[in-house]
C-alpha atoms as a PDB file:
ATOM      1  CA  UNK A   1      14.397  12.012   4.371  1.00  0.00           C
ATOM      2  CA  UNK A   2      17.515  10.003   5.307  1.00  0.00           C
ATOM      3  CA  UNK A   3      15.729   8.669   8.385  1.00  0.00           C
ATOM      4  CA  UNK A   4      12.734   7.589   6.280  1.00  0.00           C
ATOM      5  CA  UNK A   5      14.998   5.851   3.755  1.00  0.00           C
ATOM      6  CA  UNK A   6      16.822   4.079   6.606  1.00  0.00           C
ATOM      7  CA  UNK A   7      13.497   2.965   8.079  1.00  0.00           C
ATOM      8  CA  UNK A   8      12.309   1.568   4.744  1.00  0.00           C
ATOM      9  CA  UNK A   9      15.651  -0.169   4.129  1.00  0.00           C
ATOM     10  CA  UNK A  10      15.535  -1.736   7.598  1.00  0.00           C
ATOM     11  CA  UNK A  11      11.958  -2.874   7.024  1.00  0.00           C
ATOM     12  CA  UNK A  12      12.959  -4.426   3.689  1.00  0.00           C
ATOM     13  CA  UNK A  13      15.819  -6.378   5.303  1.00  0.00           C
ATOM     14  CA  UNK A  14      13.506  -7.580   8.075  1.00  0.00           C
ATOM     15  CA  UNK A  15      10.950  -8.616   5.463  1.00  0.00           C
ATOM     16  CA  UNK A  16      13.513 -10.668   3.537  1.00  0.00           C
ATOM     17  CA  UNK A  17      14.497 -12.438   6.767  1.00  0.00           C
ATOM     18  CA  UNK A  18      10.835 -13.113   7.572  1.00  0.00           C
ATOM     19  CA  UNK A  19      10.184 -14.499   4.106  1.00  0.00           C
ATOM     20  CA  UNK A  20      13.233 -16.735   4.337  1.00  0.00           C
ATOM     21  CA  UNK A  21      12.198 -18.151   7.683  1.00  0.00           C
ATOM     22  CA  UNK A  22       8.535 -18.487   6.653  1.00  0.00           C
ATOM     23  CA  UNK A  23       9.470 -20.266   3.427  1.00  0.00           C
ATOM     24  CA  UNK A  24      11.589 -22.734   5.365  1.00  0.00           C
ATOM     25  CA  UNK A  25       8.487 -23.797   7.317  1.00  0.00           C
ATOM     26  CA  UNK A  26       5.788 -23.118   4.742  1.00  0.00           C
ATOM     27  CA  UNK A  27       4.034 -25.776   2.785  1.00  0.00           C
ATOM     28  CA  UNK A  28       4.687 -25.061  -0.877  1.00  0.00           C
ATOM     29  CA  UNK A  29       2.139 -25.295  -3.639  1.00  0.00           C
ATOM     30  CA  UNK A  30       2.566 -24.901  -7.335  1.00  0.00           C
ATOM     31  CA  UNK A  31       0.512 -22.590  -9.519  1.00  0.00           C
ATOM     32  CA  UNK A  32      -0.619 -25.719 -11.369  1.00  0.00           C
ATOM     33  CA  UNK A  33      -1.928 -27.547  -8.262  1.00  0.00           C
ATOM     34  CA  UNK A  34      -5.525 -26.595  -9.064  1.00  0.00           C
ATOM     35  CA  UNK A  35      -7.676 -23.593  -8.465  1.00  0.00           C
ATOM     36  CA  UNK A  36      -7.656 -22.099  -4.992  1.00  0.00           C
ATOM     37  CA  UNK A  37     -10.795 -20.334  -3.788  1.00  0.00           C
ATOM     38  CA  UNK A  38      -9.247 -19.012  -0.571  1.00  0.00           C
ATOM     39  CA  UNK A  39     -10.391 -15.813   1.103  1.00  0.00           C
ATOM     40  CA  UNK A  40      -7.869 -13.881   3.196  1.00  0.00           C
ATOM     41  CA  UNK A  41      -8.030 -10.843   5.445  1.00  0.00           C
ATOM     42  CA  UNK A  42      -4.748  -8.956   5.623  1.00  0.00           C
ATOM     43  CA  UNK A  43      -3.525  -6.256   7.996  1.00  0.00           C
ATOM     44  CA  UNK A  44      -0.701  -4.126   6.642  1.00  0.00           C
ATOM     45  CA  UNK A  45       1.559  -1.183   7.364  1.00  0.00           C
ATOM     46  CA  UNK A  46       3.108   0.991   4.656  1.00  0.00           C
ATOM     47  CA  UNK A  47       5.982   3.445   4.625  1.00  0.00           C
ATOM     48  CA  UNK A  48       6.638   5.549   1.563  1.00  0.00           C
ATOM     49  CA  UNK A  49       9.076   7.946  -0.011  1.00  0.00           C
ATOM     50  CA  UNK A  50       7.208  10.791  -1.736  1.00  0.00           C
ATOM     51  CA  UNK A  51       7.866  11.434  -5.399  1.00  0.00           C
ATOM     52  CA  UNK A  52       6.405  14.936  -5.148  1.00  0.00           C
ATOM     53  CA  UNK A  53       8.297  17.927  -3.750  1.00  0.00           C
ATOM     54  CA  UNK A  54       6.850  19.410  -0.596  1.00  0.00           C
ATOM     55  CA  UNK A  55       6.336  16.133   1.266  1.00  0.00           C
ATOM     56  CA  UNK A  56       8.709  14.461   3.772  1.00  0.00           C
ATOM     57  CA  UNK A  57       7.319  10.924   3.985  1.00  0.00           C
ATOM     58  CA  UNK A  58       4.174   8.839   3.722  1.00  0.00           C
ATOM     59  CA  UNK A  59       2.896   6.366   6.296  1.00  0.00           C
ATOM     60  CA  UNK A  60      -0.280   4.326   6.644  1.00  0.00           C
ATOM     61  CA  UNK A  61      -2.094   1.149   7.476  1.00  0.00           C
ATOM     62  CA  UNK A  62      -4.795  -0.886   5.784  1.00  0.00           C
ATOM     63  CA  UNK A  63      -7.147  -3.831   5.954  1.00  0.00           C
ATOM     64  CA  UNK A  64      -7.311  -5.874   2.747  1.00  0.00           C
ATOM     65  CA  UNK A  65      -9.748  -8.586   1.719  1.00  0.00           C
ATOM     66  CA  UNK A  66      -8.382 -10.945  -0.935  1.00  0.00           C
ATOM     67  CA  UNK A  67     -10.509 -13.492  -2.803  1.00  0.00           C
ATOM     68  CA  UNK A  68      -8.841 -16.049  -5.055  1.00  0.00           C
ATOM     69  CA  UNK A  69     -10.613 -16.445  -8.400  1.00  0.00           C
ATOM     70  CA  UNK A  70      -8.123 -19.049  -9.622  1.00  0.00           C
ATOM     71  CA  UNK A  71      -4.792 -20.282  -8.300  1.00  0.00           C
ATOM     72  CA  UNK A  72      -3.011 -17.343  -9.936  1.00  0.00           C
ATOM     73  CA  UNK A  73      -5.583 -14.490 -10.019  1.00  0.00           C
ATOM     74  CA  UNK A  74      -7.091 -12.800  -6.962  1.00  0.00           C
ATOM     75  CA  UNK A  75      -9.371  -9.833  -6.450  1.00  0.00           C
ATOM     76  CA  UNK A  76      -8.569  -7.376  -3.662  1.00  0.00           C
ATOM     77  CA  UNK A  77     -10.534  -4.734  -1.743  1.00  0.00           C
ATOM     78  CA  UNK A  78      -8.810  -2.475   0.756  1.00  0.00           C
ATOM     79  CA  UNK A  79      -9.515   0.397   3.104  1.00  0.00           C
ATOM     80  CA  UNK A  80      -6.986   2.211   5.245  1.00  0.00           C
ATOM     81  CA  UNK A  81      -5.632   5.447   6.596  1.00  0.00           C
ATOM     82  CA  UNK A  82      -2.668   7.288   5.062  1.00  0.00           C
ATOM     83  CA  UNK A  83      -0.815  10.455   5.884  1.00  0.00           C
ATOM     84  CA  UNK A  84       1.701  12.482   3.905  1.00  0.00           C
ATOM     85  CA  UNK A  85       3.869  14.719   6.064  1.00  0.00           C
ATOM     86  CA  UNK A  86       4.195  18.193   4.527  1.00  0.00           C
ATOM     87  CA  UNK A  87       7.581  19.924   4.647  1.00  0.00           C
ATOM     88  CA  UNK A  88       7.370  23.339   6.278  1.00  0.00           C
ATOM     89  CA  UNK A  89       8.173  25.898   3.597  1.00  0.00           C
ATOM     90  CA  UNK A  90       6.959  29.506   3.817  1.00  0.00           C
ATOM     91  CA  UNK A  91       7.380  29.926   0.052  1.00  0.00           C
ATOM     92  CA  UNK A  92       4.632  27.366  -0.644  1.00  0.00           C
ATOM     93  CA  UNK A  93       1.073  28.585  -0.877  1.00  0.00           C
ATOM     94  CA  UNK A  94      -1.190  26.586   1.430  1.00  0.00           C
ATOM     95  CA  UNK A  95      -4.985  26.693   1.506  1.00  0.00           C
ATOM     96  CA  UNK A  96      -6.905  29.119   3.716  1.00  0.00           C
ATOM     97  CA  UNK A  97      -6.320  26.871   6.754  1.00  0.00           C
ATOM     98  CA  UNK A  98      -2.728  27.463   7.780  1.00  0.00           C
ATOM     99  CA  UNK A  99      -2.787  24.715  10.437  1.00  0.00           C
ATOM    100  CA  UNK A 100      -2.585  21.986   7.786  1.00  0.00           C
ATOM    101  CA  UNK A 101       0.623  20.059   8.456  1.00  0.00           C
ATOM    102  CA  UNK A 102      -0.241  16.740   6.855  1.00  0.00           C
ATOM    103  CA  UNK A 103      -2.338  15.363   4.063  1.00  0.00           C
ATOM    104  CA  UNK A 104      -4.522  12.726   5.775  1.00  0.00           C
ATOM    105  CA  UNK A 105      -6.933  10.557   3.826  1.00  0.00           C
ATOM    106  CA  UNK A 106      -8.829   7.276   3.847  1.00  0.00           C
ATOM    107  CA  UNK A 107      -8.117   5.274   0.672  1.00  0.00           C
ATOM    108  CA  UNK A 108     -10.755   2.822  -0.549  1.00  0.00           C
ATOM    109  CA  UNK A 109      -9.417   0.713  -3.421  1.00  0.00           C
ATOM    110  CA  UNK A 110     -10.280  -2.339  -5.512  1.00  0.00           C
ATOM    111  CA  UNK A 111      -7.878  -4.265  -7.672  1.00  0.00           C
ATOM    112  CA  UNK A 112      -6.367  -7.485  -8.840  1.00  0.00           C
ATOM    113  CA  UNK A 113      -3.286  -9.596  -8.113  1.00  0.00           C
ATOM    114  CA  UNK A 114      -1.796 -11.822 -10.793  1.00  0.00           C
ATOM    115  CA  UNK A 115       0.709 -14.523  -9.797  1.00  0.00           C
ATOM    116  CA  UNK A 116       2.787 -15.439 -12.905  1.00  0.00           C
ATOM    117  CA  UNK A 117       4.833 -17.844 -10.716  1.00  0.00           C
ATOM    118  CA  UNK A 118       4.239 -19.184  -7.214  1.00  0.00           C
ATOM    119  CA  UNK A 119       4.382 -16.476  -4.491  1.00  0.00           C
ATOM    120  CA  UNK A 120       5.412 -13.555  -6.798  1.00  0.00           C
ATOM    121  CA  UNK A 121       2.668 -11.179  -7.959  1.00  0.00           C
ATOM    122  CA  UNK A 122       1.871  -8.078  -9.959  1.00  0.00           C
ATOM    123  CA  UNK A 123      -0.958  -5.941  -8.635  1.00  0.00           C
ATOM    124  CA  UNK A 124      -3.050  -3.021  -9.739  1.00  0.00           C
ATOM    125  CA  UNK A 125      -5.539  -1.015  -7.687  1.00  0.00           C
ATOM    126  CA  UNK A 126      -7.775   1.985  -8.313  1.00  0.00           C
ATOM    127  CA  UNK A 127     -10.067   3.837  -5.967  1.00  0.00           C
ATOM    128  CA  UNK A 128     -10.757   7.041  -4.133  1.00  0.00           C
ATOM    129  CA  UNK A 129      -9.204   8.845  -1.199  1.00  0.00           C
ATOM    130  CA  UNK A 130     -11.534  10.616   1.215  1.00  0.00           C
ATOM    131  CA  UNK A 131      -9.964  13.587   2.979  1.00  0.00           C
ATOM    132  CA  UNK A 132     -10.239  13.672   6.763  1.00  0.00           C
ATOM    133  CA  UNK A 133     -10.098  17.462   7.171  1.00  0.00           C
ATOM    134  CA  UNK A 134     -13.052  19.850   7.030  1.00  0.00           C
ATOM    135  CA  UNK A 135     -13.864  20.908   3.502  1.00  0.00           C
ATOM    136  CA  UNK A 136     -11.878  18.159   1.769  1.00  0.00           C
ATOM    137  CA  UNK A 137     -13.735  15.784  -0.495  1.00  0.00           C
ATOM    138  CA  UNK A 138     -12.069  12.999  -2.452  1.00  0.00           C
ATOM    139  CA  UNK A 139      -9.457  12.253  -5.074  1.00  0.00           C
ATOM    140  CA  UNK A 140      -8.726   9.436  -7.547  1.00  0.00           C
ATOM    141  CA  UNK A 141      -6.002   6.950  -6.486  1.00  0.00           C
ATOM    142  CA  UNK A 142      -4.106   4.449  -8.639  1.00  0.00           C
ATOM    143  CA  UNK A 143      -1.490   1.986  -7.400  1.00  0.00           C
ATOM    144  CA  UNK A 144       0.441  -0.509  -9.568  1.00  0.00           C
ATOM    145  CA  UNK A 145       2.816  -2.790  -7.675  1.00  0.00           C
ATOM    146  CA  UNK A 146       4.766  -6.005  -7.266  1.00  0.00           C
ATOM    147  CA  UNK A 147       5.193  -8.287  -4.303  1.00  0.00           C
ATOM    148  CA  UNK A 148       5.778 -11.635  -2.681  1.00  0.00           C
ATOM    149  CA  UNK A 149       3.237 -13.593  -0.664  1.00  0.00           C
ATOM    150  CA  UNK A 150       4.022 -16.706   1.372  1.00  0.00           C
ATOM    151  CA  UNK A 151       1.866 -19.643   2.380  1.00  0.00           C
ATOM    152  CA  UNK A 152       2.545 -18.607   5.988  1.00  0.00           C
ATOM    153  CA  UNK A 153       0.521 -15.410   5.448  1.00  0.00           C
ATOM    154  CA  UNK A 154       3.301 -12.831   5.061  1.00  0.00           C
ATOM    155  CA  UNK A 155       2.872 -10.364   2.186  1.00  0.00           C
ATOM    156  CA  UNK A 156       5.541  -7.866   1.158  1.00  0.00           C
ATOM    157  CA  UNK A 157       4.716  -5.452  -1.621  1.00  0.00           C
ATOM    158  CA  UNK A 158       6.263  -2.455  -3.324  1.00  0.00           C
ATOM    159  CA  UNK A 159       3.956  -0.042  -5.113  1.00  0.00           C
ATOM    160  CA  UNK A 160       3.767   3.354  -6.706  1.00  0.00           C
ATOM    161  CA  UNK A 161       0.689   5.182  -5.439  1.00  0.00           C
ATOM    162  CA  UNK A 162      -0.436   8.326  -7.179  1.00  0.00           C
ATOM    163  CA  UNK A 163      -3.355  10.695  -6.705  1.00  0.00           C
ATOM    164  CA  UNK A 164      -5.048  13.081  -9.087  1.00  0.00           C
ATOM    165  CA  UNK A 165      -7.648  15.762  -8.538  1.00  0.00           C
ATOM    166  CA  UNK A 166      -7.565  18.883  -6.420  1.00  0.00           C
ATOM    167  CA  UNK A 167     -10.246  18.406  -3.794  1.00  0.00           C
ATOM    168  CA  UNK A 168      -8.095  17.086  -0.918  1.00  0.00           C
ATOM    169  CA  UNK A 169      -4.640  17.975  -2.190  1.00  0.00           C
ATOM    170  CA  UNK A 170      -2.639  20.373  -0.018  1.00  0.00           C
ATOM    171  CA  UNK A 171       0.129  20.869  -2.576  1.00  0.00           C
ATOM    172  CA  UNK A 172       0.276  19.413  -6.064  1.00  0.00           C
ATOM    173  CA  UNK A 173      -0.784  15.832  -6.720  1.00  0.00           C
ATOM    174  CA  UNK A 174       1.206  13.625  -4.346  1.00  0.00           C
ATOM    175  CA  UNK A 175       2.722  10.295  -5.208  1.00  0.00           C
ATOM    176  CA  UNK A 176       4.855   7.823  -3.317  1.00  0.00           C
ATOM    177  CA  UNK A 177       6.868   4.666  -3.661  1.00  0.00           C
ATOM    178  CA  UNK A 178       5.712   2.604  -0.690  1.00  0.00           C
ATOM    179  CA  UNK A 179       6.751  -0.647   0.949  1.00  0.00           C
ATOM    180  CA  UNK A 180       3.844  -2.609   2.474  1.00  0.00           C
ATOM    181  CA  UNK A 181       4.404  -5.312   5.109  1.00  0.00           C
ATOM    182  CA  UNK A 182       1.322  -7.357   5.929  1.00  0.00           C
ATOM    183  CA  UNK A 183       0.050 -10.519   7.504  1.00  0.00           C
ATOM    184  CA  UNK A 184      -2.954 -12.321   6.028  1.00  0.00           C
ATOM    185  CA  UNK A 185      -5.393 -14.554   7.889  1.00  0.00           C
ATOM    186  CA  UNK A 186      -7.002 -17.374   5.900  1.00  0.00           C
ATOM    187  CA  UNK A 187     -10.783 -17.090   6.374  1.00  0.00           C
ATOM    188  CA  UNK A 188     -11.610 -20.535   4.934  1.00  0.00           C
END
């Protein structure tokens, strides 16, 4: 757990440095400069600290498509791969398969980003997680968050991601606070 927290803290410091250097070179635009209709494709990595006992850490990656509706509202679609590492604990009751060490799933989510001021956003996503193990189906996922996006394509977000339902859950419903570092390519 300490190693995971150190990794996330290091990633956050690196992200702040990247934002600072990108903002020094980035062309700035105001929210009031007119309506953007940009389309972006982002590639991101996430590291999370579980909020549910029984898990050590969460890690994943995603591909996100973002379409600007106006200069301060964007729609997002994402698909990825996430894993929650399960703590070994003989007192916990696991499903019939005792070789399950991780909770692995493919999240497919849709949502919205709202930029109240330039570069800073609030986001909300909902979707489903498809289990990757035999016999696992899907679960509902919700993920509110905040973040900063630069004109240079760097996106740093912090989100809470929770899951409900019992079809792919190894233990009780997992949740995490995750830091996402991403780079977005402008498709226009």
